[in-house]
Amino acid sequence: MLLTAEFWVLVAFVVFLALAAKAGAFSAMTKGLDSRAKRVRHELDEAKRLREEAAAVLADYKRRRTEAEKEAEAIVASARQEAERAAAEGHQRLNEFVARRTKAAESKIAQAEAQAEAQVRAAAADAAVKVSETILRERMQGDAAQNLIRASLGEVRTRLRA
C-alpha cells in the first residue's frame, strides 16, 4: 500500500492542503468568494432597482399616453363642435342674407308696381280728360262753356291723381 501511486498522491495532496492552510490560502479563497458573493448580491440589487425604475417609467409613459389620447379626443371633439357651429352660423347668415335680399327685391317690386300703377292712373286720367274735353267742346259752345270745361277738367285731374 505504501508503494502505490494513489497513496503518494494522497500524501502529496494532504501536505499541499496543510501548507495551503498554513499560508492562509483558505481564508483568501473564502474572502474572494465572499467578495464575489457581495458583488453579485450588489449587482442583483442594482438590477432589481433598475427593473423597478423601468417599471415606473413604463407606467408613467402609459399614463401620459392615455392622457394624450384623451386630450387628442377632446381636441377632435372640440374641433367637430366648432366646425358644426361654424357651419350652422354660416347657414344662418346665408338664410338671413337671402331673406334680406328677398325682402329688398319684394320692396323694389312693390315700389315698381306702385309707380306703374300711378303712371297708368295718370295716363288714364290724361286720356279721360282729353276725351272729356273733346266731347264737351263738341257739345258746348261759347266763353261760359270754355270756363266750365276748364274748371271741370282741373277738378277731374286732381281727383284722378289723388
N, C-alpha and C. Protein backbone atom coordinates (compact mmCIF):
# COMPACT_ATOMS: atom_id res chain seq x y z
N MET A 1 0.79 -1.15 0.00
CA MET A 1 0.00 0.00 0.00
C MET A 1 0.87 1.25 0.00
N LEU A 2 2.01 1.25 0.61
CA LEU A 2 2.89 2.38 0.63
C LEU A 2 3.55 2.62 -0.73
N LEU A 3 3.57 1.65 -1.53
CA LEU A 3 4.25 1.80 -2.79
C LEU A 3 3.30 2.15 -3.93
N THR A 4 2.08 2.26 -3.67
CA THR A 4 1.15 2.54 -4.75
C THR A 4 1.13 4.04 -5.04
N ALA A 5 0.83 4.39 -6.25
CA ALA A 5 0.82 5.78 -6.70
C ALA A 5 -0.33 6.55 -6.06
N GLU A 6 -1.39 5.89 -5.84
CA GLU A 6 -2.53 6.58 -5.26
C GLU A 6 -2.21 7.04 -3.84
N PHE A 7 -1.44 6.22 -3.10
CA PHE A 7 -1.08 6.56 -1.73
C PHE A 7 -0.23 7.82 -1.74
N TRP A 8 0.78 7.89 -2.61
CA TRP A 8 1.66 9.04 -2.66
C TRP A 8 0.93 10.28 -3.17
N VAL A 9 -0.05 10.10 -4.00
CA VAL A 9 -0.87 11.24 -4.46
C VAL A 9 -1.65 11.78 -3.28
N LEU A 10 -2.15 10.85 -2.42
CA LEU A 10 -2.91 11.27 -1.26
C LEU A 10 -2.02 12.02 -0.28
N VAL A 11 -0.80 11.51 -0.07
CA VAL A 11 0.12 12.14 0.86
C VAL A 11 0.49 13.53 0.32
N ALA A 12 0.77 13.63 -0.95
CA ALA A 12 1.13 14.92 -1.53
C ALA A 12 -0.03 15.90 -1.42
N PHE A 13 -1.21 15.43 -1.59
CA PHE A 13 -2.41 16.29 -1.51
C PHE A 13 -2.59 16.79 -0.09
N VAL A 14 -2.44 15.92 0.92
CA VAL A 14 -2.59 16.30 2.33
C VAL A 14 -1.52 17.32 2.69
N VAL A 15 -0.26 17.07 2.26
CA VAL A 15 0.83 18.01 2.55
C VAL A 15 0.52 19.35 1.88
N PHE A 16 0.02 19.34 0.67
CA PHE A 16 -0.34 20.57 -0.05
C PHE A 16 -1.41 21.33 0.71
N LEU A 17 -2.45 20.60 1.18
CA LEU A 17 -3.53 21.25 1.92
C LEU A 17 -3.00 21.85 3.22
N ALA A 18 -2.10 21.14 3.89
CA ALA A 18 -1.55 21.64 5.14
C ALA A 18 -0.75 22.90 4.89
N LEU A 19 0.10 22.91 3.84
CA LEU A 19 0.88 24.09 3.51
C LEU A 19 -0.04 25.26 3.10
N ALA A 20 -1.10 24.96 2.34
CA ALA A 20 -2.04 25.99 1.90
C ALA A 20 -2.76 26.57 3.09
N ALA A 21 -3.12 25.73 4.07
CA ALA A 21 -3.82 26.21 5.26
C ALA A 21 -2.88 27.08 6.07
N LYS A 22 -1.61 26.66 6.21
CA LYS A 22 -0.64 27.41 6.97
C LYS A 22 -0.38 28.77 6.31
N ALA A 23 -0.35 28.82 4.99
CA ALA A 23 -0.09 30.06 4.26
C ALA A 23 -1.33 30.95 4.22
N GLY A 24 -2.50 30.49 4.62
CA GLY A 24 -3.73 31.28 4.62
C GLY A 24 -4.46 31.28 3.31
N ALA A 25 -4.28 30.28 2.50
CA ALA A 25 -4.94 30.21 1.21
C ALA A 25 -6.44 30.03 1.37
N PHE A 26 -6.85 29.30 2.41
CA PHE A 26 -8.30 29.07 2.58
C PHE A 26 -9.01 30.36 2.97
N SER A 27 -8.38 31.16 3.82
CA SER A 27 -9.03 32.43 4.19
C SER A 27 -9.08 33.37 2.99
N ALA A 28 -8.05 33.35 2.16
CA ALA A 28 -8.05 34.19 0.95
C ALA A 28 -9.13 33.73 -0.01
N MET A 29 -9.29 32.39 -0.13
CA MET A 29 -10.34 31.88 -1.03
C MET A 29 -11.72 32.25 -0.50
N THR A 30 -11.92 32.11 0.82
CA THR A 30 -13.23 32.45 1.38
C THR A 30 -13.49 33.95 1.25
N LYS A 31 -12.43 34.78 1.46
CA LYS A 31 -12.60 36.23 1.27
C LYS A 31 -12.95 36.54 -0.18
N GLY A 32 -12.27 35.89 -1.10
CA GLY A 32 -12.55 36.11 -2.52
C GLY A 32 -13.96 35.69 -2.88
N LEU A 33 -14.36 34.51 -2.34
CA LEU A 33 -15.73 34.06 -2.61
C LEU A 33 -16.76 34.99 -1.96
N ASP A 34 -16.44 35.44 -0.72
CA ASP A 34 -17.35 36.36 -0.04
C ASP A 34 -17.47 37.68 -0.80
N SER A 35 -16.33 38.21 -1.27
CA SER A 35 -16.39 39.47 -2.01
C SER A 35 -17.14 39.29 -3.33
N ARG A 36 -16.94 38.16 -3.96
CA ARG A 36 -17.68 37.90 -5.20
C ARG A 36 -19.17 37.78 -4.90
N ALA A 37 -19.52 37.11 -3.80
CA ALA A 37 -20.93 36.98 -3.42
C ALA A 37 -21.53 38.36 -3.15
N LYS A 38 -20.75 39.24 -2.47
CA LYS A 38 -21.23 40.61 -2.21
C LYS A 38 -21.44 41.37 -3.52
N ARG A 39 -20.48 41.23 -4.43
CA ARG A 39 -20.58 41.92 -5.72
C ARG A 39 -21.80 41.43 -6.50
N VAL A 40 -22.03 40.10 -6.51
CA VAL A 40 -23.19 39.54 -7.21
C VAL A 40 -24.48 40.02 -6.55
N ARG A 41 -24.49 40.02 -5.19
CA ARG A 41 -25.67 40.50 -4.47
C ARG A 41 -25.93 41.97 -4.80
N HIS A 42 -24.86 42.76 -4.83
CA HIS A 42 -24.98 44.18 -5.17
C HIS A 42 -25.51 44.35 -6.60
N GLU A 43 -25.00 43.58 -7.52
CA GLU A 43 -25.47 43.65 -8.92
C GLU A 43 -26.93 43.24 -9.02
N LEU A 44 -27.33 42.21 -8.26
CA LEU A 44 -28.74 41.80 -8.26
C LEU A 44 -29.63 42.91 -7.69
N ASP A 45 -29.15 43.54 -6.59
CA ASP A 45 -29.92 44.65 -6.03
C ASP A 45 -30.03 45.81 -7.02
N GLU A 46 -28.93 46.10 -7.71
CA GLU A 46 -28.93 47.16 -8.71
C GLU A 46 -29.88 46.82 -9.86
N ALA A 47 -29.84 45.56 -10.29
CA ALA A 47 -30.74 45.12 -11.37
C ALA A 47 -32.19 45.22 -10.93
N LYS A 48 -32.47 44.86 -9.67
CA LYS A 48 -33.84 44.95 -9.14
C LYS A 48 -34.29 46.42 -9.11
N ARG A 49 -33.37 47.30 -8.65
CA ARG A 49 -33.71 48.73 -8.61
C ARG A 49 -33.96 49.27 -10.01
N LEU A 50 -33.12 48.90 -10.96
CA LEU A 50 -33.30 49.34 -12.34
C LEU A 50 -34.60 48.81 -12.93
N ARG A 51 -34.92 47.57 -12.57
CA ARG A 51 -36.18 46.99 -13.06
C ARG A 51 -37.38 47.76 -12.52
N GLU A 52 -37.35 48.07 -11.22
CA GLU A 52 -38.44 48.85 -10.62
C GLU A 52 -38.53 50.23 -11.24
N GLU A 53 -37.36 50.83 -11.48
CA GLU A 53 -37.34 52.15 -12.11
C GLU A 53 -37.91 52.08 -13.52
N ALA A 54 -37.54 51.05 -14.27
CA ALA A 54 -38.07 50.88 -15.63
C ALA A 54 -39.58 50.65 -15.59
N ALA A 55 -40.05 49.89 -14.60
CA ALA A 55 -41.50 49.67 -14.47
C ALA A 55 -42.21 50.98 -14.18
N ALA A 56 -41.60 51.82 -13.32
CA ALA A 56 -42.20 53.11 -13.01
C ALA A 56 -42.23 54.01 -14.25
N VAL A 57 -41.14 54.00 -15.01
CA VAL A 57 -41.09 54.81 -16.24
C VAL A 57 -42.13 54.31 -17.24
N LEU A 58 -42.27 52.98 -17.35
CA LEU A 58 -43.27 52.42 -18.25
C LEU A 58 -44.68 52.80 -17.82
N ALA A 59 -44.96 52.73 -16.52
CA ALA A 59 -46.28 53.12 -16.02
C ALA A 59 -46.54 54.60 -16.29
N ASP A 60 -45.52 55.44 -16.10
CA ASP A 60 -45.66 56.86 -16.37
C ASP A 60 -45.91 57.11 -17.85
N TYR A 61 -45.19 56.39 -18.70
CA TYR A 61 -45.39 56.50 -20.15
C TYR A 61 -46.81 56.12 -20.53
N LYS A 62 -47.29 55.00 -19.97
CA LYS A 62 -48.66 54.56 -20.29
C LYS A 62 -49.68 55.59 -19.82
N ARG A 63 -49.46 56.16 -18.62
CA ARG A 63 -50.37 57.18 -18.11
C ARG A 63 -50.36 58.41 -19.02
N ARG A 64 -49.17 58.85 -19.40
CA ARG A 64 -49.07 60.01 -20.29
C ARG A 64 -49.70 59.74 -21.65
N ARG A 65 -49.49 58.54 -22.16
CA ARG A 65 -50.08 58.20 -23.44
C ARG A 65 -51.61 58.22 -23.35
N THR A 66 -52.16 57.67 -22.26
CA THR A 66 -53.60 57.69 -22.07
C THR A 66 -54.12 59.12 -21.98
N GLU A 67 -53.38 59.95 -21.22
CA GLU A 67 -53.78 61.36 -21.11
C GLU A 67 -53.71 62.06 -22.47
N ALA A 68 -52.67 61.76 -23.23
CA ALA A 68 -52.52 62.38 -24.55
C ALA A 68 -53.64 61.94 -25.49
N GLU A 69 -54.01 60.66 -25.41
CA GLU A 69 -55.11 60.17 -26.25
C GLU A 69 -56.42 60.85 -25.86
N LYS A 70 -56.66 60.99 -24.55
CA LYS A 70 -57.88 61.68 -24.10
C LYS A 70 -57.88 63.13 -24.55
N GLU A 71 -56.72 63.78 -24.44
CA GLU A 71 -56.61 65.17 -24.87
C GLU A 71 -56.83 65.30 -26.38
N ALA A 72 -56.28 64.35 -27.13
CA ALA A 72 -56.48 64.36 -28.58
C ALA A 72 -57.95 64.17 -28.92
N GLU A 73 -58.61 63.25 -28.21
CA GLU A 73 -60.04 63.05 -28.45
C GLU A 73 -60.83 64.30 -28.12
N ALA A 74 -60.45 64.96 -27.02
CA ALA A 74 -61.13 66.20 -26.65
C ALA A 74 -60.92 67.28 -27.70
N ILE A 75 -59.70 67.36 -28.23
CA ILE A 75 -59.40 68.35 -29.27
C ILE A 75 -60.21 68.07 -30.52
N VAL A 76 -60.29 66.79 -30.90
CA VAL A 76 -61.06 66.42 -32.09
C VAL A 76 -62.54 66.73 -31.87
N ALA A 77 -63.05 66.38 -30.68
CA ALA A 77 -64.47 66.66 -30.40
C ALA A 77 -64.73 68.17 -30.42
N SER A 78 -63.81 68.93 -29.84
CA SER A 78 -63.96 70.39 -29.84
C SER A 78 -63.92 70.94 -31.26
N ALA A 79 -63.01 70.40 -32.07
CA ALA A 79 -62.93 70.86 -33.47
C ALA A 79 -64.20 70.52 -34.22
N ARG A 80 -64.74 69.34 -33.97
CA ARG A 80 -66.02 68.97 -34.62
C ARG A 80 -67.13 69.92 -34.22
N GLN A 81 -67.22 70.19 -32.91
CA GLN A 81 -68.26 71.11 -32.43
C GLN A 81 -68.07 72.49 -33.04
N GLU A 82 -66.84 72.94 -33.10
CA GLU A 82 -66.56 74.26 -33.68
C GLU A 82 -66.94 74.30 -35.16
N ALA A 83 -66.61 73.21 -35.86
CA ALA A 83 -66.95 73.15 -37.29
C ALA A 83 -68.47 73.12 -37.47
N GLU A 84 -69.16 72.35 -36.64
CA GLU A 84 -70.63 72.30 -36.74
C GLU A 84 -71.23 73.66 -36.41
N ARG A 85 -70.68 74.32 -35.38
CA ARG A 85 -71.19 75.63 -35.01
C ARG A 85 -70.94 76.63 -36.13
N ALA A 86 -69.74 76.57 -36.71
CA ALA A 86 -69.42 77.49 -37.82
C ALA A 86 -70.31 77.22 -39.02
N ALA A 87 -70.58 75.94 -39.29
CA ALA A 87 -71.46 75.60 -40.41
C ALA A 87 -72.88 76.10 -40.14
N ALA A 88 -73.35 75.90 -38.91
CA ALA A 88 -74.70 76.37 -38.56
C ALA A 88 -74.77 77.89 -38.64
N GLU A 89 -73.72 78.56 -38.16
CA GLU A 89 -73.69 80.02 -38.21
C GLU A 89 -73.66 80.50 -39.66
N GLY A 90 -72.86 79.85 -40.48
CA GLY A 90 -72.80 80.21 -41.90
C GLY A 90 -74.14 79.99 -42.59
N HIS A 91 -74.78 78.88 -42.25
CA HIS A 91 -76.10 78.59 -42.83
C HIS A 91 -77.11 79.65 -42.39
N GLN A 92 -77.04 80.02 -41.10
CA GLN A 92 -77.96 81.04 -40.59
C GLN A 92 -77.70 82.38 -41.29
N ARG A 93 -76.43 82.74 -41.43
CA ARG A 93 -76.11 84.01 -42.10
C ARG A 93 -76.58 83.99 -43.56
N LEU A 94 -76.40 82.86 -44.21
CA LEU A 94 -76.85 82.74 -45.59
C LEU A 94 -78.36 82.90 -45.67
N ASN A 95 -79.09 82.25 -44.76
CA ASN A 95 -80.55 82.38 -44.74
C ASN A 95 -80.97 83.82 -44.49
N GLU A 96 -80.27 84.49 -43.55
CA GLU A 96 -80.59 85.89 -43.28
C GLU A 96 -80.29 86.76 -44.50
N PHE A 97 -79.19 86.50 -45.17
CA PHE A 97 -78.84 87.26 -46.37
C PHE A 97 -79.89 87.07 -47.45
N VAL A 98 -80.29 85.81 -47.66
CA VAL A 98 -81.31 85.52 -48.67
C VAL A 98 -82.62 86.21 -48.29
N ALA A 99 -82.97 86.17 -46.99
CA ALA A 99 -84.22 86.80 -46.55
C ALA A 99 -84.16 88.32 -46.78
N ARG A 100 -83.00 88.95 -46.46
CA ARG A 100 -82.86 90.39 -46.68
C ARG A 100 -82.95 90.73 -48.16
N ARG A 101 -82.27 89.93 -48.98
CA ARG A 101 -82.30 90.18 -50.42
C ARG A 101 -83.71 89.99 -50.98
N THR A 102 -84.39 88.96 -50.50
CA THR A 102 -85.76 88.72 -50.95
C THR A 102 -86.67 89.88 -50.55
N LYS A 103 -86.50 90.34 -49.31
CA LYS A 103 -87.32 91.46 -48.82
C LYS A 103 -87.03 92.72 -49.64
N ALA A 104 -85.75 92.96 -49.92
CA ALA A 104 -85.39 94.14 -50.71
C ALA A 104 -85.97 94.03 -52.12
N ALA A 105 -85.89 92.83 -52.70
CA ALA A 105 -86.44 92.64 -54.05
C ALA A 105 -87.95 92.83 -54.04
N GLU A 106 -88.61 92.29 -53.01
CA GLU A 106 -90.07 92.46 -52.91
C GLU A 106 -90.42 93.93 -52.74
N SER A 107 -89.62 94.64 -51.96
CA SER A 107 -89.86 96.07 -51.76
C SER A 107 -89.70 96.83 -53.07
N LYS A 108 -88.65 96.51 -53.82
CA LYS A 108 -88.44 97.16 -55.12
C LYS A 108 -89.57 96.83 -56.08
N ILE A 109 -90.02 95.58 -56.04
CA ILE A 109 -91.14 95.18 -56.92
C ILE A 109 -92.39 95.95 -56.53
N ALA A 110 -92.65 96.07 -55.21
CA ALA A 110 -93.84 96.81 -54.76
C ALA A 110 -93.75 98.27 -55.17
N GLN A 111 -92.55 98.87 -55.05
CA GLN A 111 -92.37 100.25 -55.48
C GLN A 111 -92.60 100.39 -56.99
N ALA A 112 -92.05 99.43 -57.74
CA ALA A 112 -92.23 99.48 -59.19
C ALA A 112 -93.70 99.32 -59.54
N GLU A 113 -94.40 98.43 -58.84
CA GLU A 113 -95.84 98.26 -59.10
C GLU A 113 -96.61 99.54 -58.79
N ALA A 114 -96.27 100.16 -57.63
CA ALA A 114 -96.97 101.39 -57.24
C ALA A 114 -96.68 102.50 -58.26
N GLN A 115 -95.43 102.56 -58.69
CA GLN A 115 -95.06 103.58 -59.68
C GLN A 115 -95.78 103.32 -61.00
N ALA A 116 -95.82 102.05 -61.43
CA ALA A 116 -96.51 101.72 -62.68
C ALA A 116 -98.00 102.02 -62.56
N GLU A 117 -98.56 101.69 -61.39
CA GLU A 117 -99.99 101.96 -61.18
C GLU A 117 -100.26 103.46 -61.23
N ALA A 118 -99.37 104.25 -60.62
CA ALA A 118 -99.54 105.70 -60.64
C ALA A 118 -99.41 106.23 -62.06
N GLN A 119 -98.46 105.68 -62.83
CA GLN A 119 -98.30 106.12 -64.22
C GLN A 119 -99.52 105.74 -65.05
N VAL A 120 -100.06 104.52 -64.80
CA VAL A 120 -101.26 104.11 -65.54
C VAL A 120 -102.43 105.01 -65.18
N ARG A 121 -102.57 105.32 -63.88
CA ARG A 121 -103.67 106.22 -63.48
C ARG A 121 -103.51 107.59 -64.11
N ALA A 122 -102.28 108.09 -64.09
CA ALA A 122 -102.03 109.41 -64.68
C ALA A 122 -102.34 109.39 -66.17
N ALA A 123 -101.91 108.31 -66.85
CA ALA A 123 -102.18 108.21 -68.28
C ALA A 123 -103.68 108.09 -68.52
N ALA A 124 -104.36 107.30 -67.67
CA ALA A 124 -105.82 107.15 -67.82
C ALA A 124 -106.52 108.47 -67.54
N ALA A 125 -106.02 109.19 -66.53
CA ALA A 125 -106.64 110.48 -66.21
C ALA A 125 -106.44 111.46 -67.36
N ASP A 126 -105.24 111.49 -67.90
CA ASP A 126 -104.98 112.39 -69.03
C ASP A 126 -105.85 112.01 -70.22
N ALA A 127 -105.95 110.71 -70.47
CA ALA A 127 -106.79 110.26 -71.60
C ALA A 127 -108.26 110.62 -71.35
N ALA A 128 -108.72 110.42 -70.09
CA ALA A 128 -110.12 110.74 -69.77
C ALA A 128 -110.38 112.23 -69.90
N VAL A 129 -109.41 113.03 -69.48
CA VAL A 129 -109.56 114.48 -69.57
C VAL A 129 -109.62 114.90 -71.03
N LYS A 130 -108.74 114.34 -71.84
CA LYS A 130 -108.72 114.70 -73.25
C LYS A 130 -110.01 114.29 -73.94
N VAL A 131 -110.49 113.09 -73.62
CA VAL A 131 -111.74 112.63 -74.23
C VAL A 131 -112.90 113.52 -73.76
N SER A 132 -112.91 113.81 -72.46
CA SER A 132 -113.99 114.67 -71.93
C SER A 132 -113.92 116.05 -72.55
N GLU A 133 -112.71 116.57 -72.67
CA GLU A 133 -112.53 117.89 -73.25
C GLU A 133 -113.03 117.91 -74.69
N THR A 134 -112.71 116.86 -75.44
CA THR A 134 -113.14 116.79 -76.83
C THR A 134 -114.66 116.71 -76.91
N ILE A 135 -115.25 115.88 -76.07
CA ILE A 135 -116.72 115.72 -76.10
C ILE A 135 -117.40 117.00 -75.68
N LEU A 136 -116.92 117.64 -74.62
CA LEU A 136 -117.56 118.87 -74.14
C LEU A 136 -117.37 120.01 -75.15
N ARG A 137 -116.29 120.08 -75.85
CA ARG A 137 -116.06 121.13 -76.83
C ARG A 137 -117.02 120.97 -78.01
N GLU A 138 -117.23 119.73 -78.34
CA GLU A 138 -118.14 119.50 -79.46
C GLU A 138 -119.57 119.85 -79.07
N ARG A 139 -119.95 119.64 -77.82
CA ARG A 139 -121.34 119.85 -77.41
C ARG A 139 -121.58 121.26 -76.88
N MET A 140 -120.63 121.84 -76.24
CA MET A 140 -120.85 123.16 -75.65
C MET A 140 -120.11 124.22 -76.46
N GLN A 141 -120.70 125.40 -76.54
CA GLN A 141 -120.13 126.49 -77.32
C GLN A 141 -120.04 127.74 -76.45
N GLY A 142 -119.14 128.63 -76.75
CA GLY A 142 -119.06 129.94 -76.09
C GLY A 142 -118.06 129.99 -74.96
N ASP A 143 -117.92 131.27 -74.40
CA ASP A 143 -116.95 131.51 -73.32
C ASP A 143 -117.36 130.83 -72.02
N ALA A 144 -118.58 130.86 -71.70
CA ALA A 144 -119.07 130.24 -70.46
C ALA A 144 -118.80 128.75 -70.51
N ALA A 145 -118.96 128.15 -71.70
CA ALA A 145 -118.73 126.73 -71.85
C ALA A 145 -117.24 126.44 -71.69
N GLN A 146 -116.39 127.32 -72.21
CA GLN A 146 -114.93 127.11 -72.11
C GLN A 146 -114.50 127.20 -70.64
N ASN A 147 -115.01 128.20 -69.91
CA ASN A 147 -114.67 128.33 -68.48
C ASN A 147 -115.15 127.12 -67.68
N LEU A 148 -116.33 126.66 -67.96
CA LEU A 148 -116.89 125.47 -67.28
C LEU A 148 -116.05 124.24 -67.59
N ILE A 149 -115.62 124.11 -68.83
CA ILE A 149 -114.80 122.95 -69.25
C ILE A 149 -113.46 122.99 -68.52
N ARG A 150 -112.85 124.15 -68.46
CA ARG A 150 -111.54 124.25 -67.79
C ARG A 150 -111.66 123.92 -66.31
N ALA A 151 -112.64 124.42 -65.65
CA ALA A 151 -112.82 124.17 -64.22
C ALA A 151 -113.10 122.69 -63.98
N SER A 152 -113.95 122.13 -64.79
CA SER A 152 -114.30 120.72 -64.65
C SER A 152 -113.09 119.83 -64.91
N LEU A 153 -112.34 120.13 -65.95
CA LEU A 153 -111.16 119.32 -66.28
C LEU A 153 -110.11 119.41 -65.17
N GLY A 154 -109.91 120.58 -64.60
CA GLY A 154 -108.96 120.73 -63.49
C GLY A 154 -109.39 119.90 -62.30
N GLU A 155 -110.67 119.93 -62.00
CA GLU A 155 -111.19 119.16 -60.87
C GLU A 155 -111.06 117.66 -61.13
N VAL A 156 -111.31 117.20 -62.35
CA VAL A 156 -111.19 115.79 -62.71
C VAL A 156 -109.74 115.35 -62.59
N ARG A 157 -108.83 116.18 -63.05
CA ARG A 157 -107.39 115.83 -62.97
C ARG A 157 -106.95 115.64 -61.53
N THR A 158 -107.31 116.60 -60.68
CA THR A 158 -106.89 116.49 -59.28
C THR A 158 -107.51 115.29 -58.60
N ARG A 159 -108.74 114.95 -58.89
CA ARG A 159 -109.37 113.78 -58.28
C ARG A 159 -108.77 112.48 -58.79
N LEU A 160 -108.46 112.40 -60.07
CA LEU A 160 -107.90 111.16 -60.64
C LEU A 160 -106.47 110.93 -60.16
N ARG A 161 -105.75 111.99 -59.92
CA ARG A 161 -104.36 111.83 -59.48
C ARG A 161 -104.25 111.55 -57.99
N ALA A 162 -105.26 111.83 -57.27
CA ALA A 162 -105.25 111.62 -55.82
C ALA A 162 -105.43 110.20 -55.41
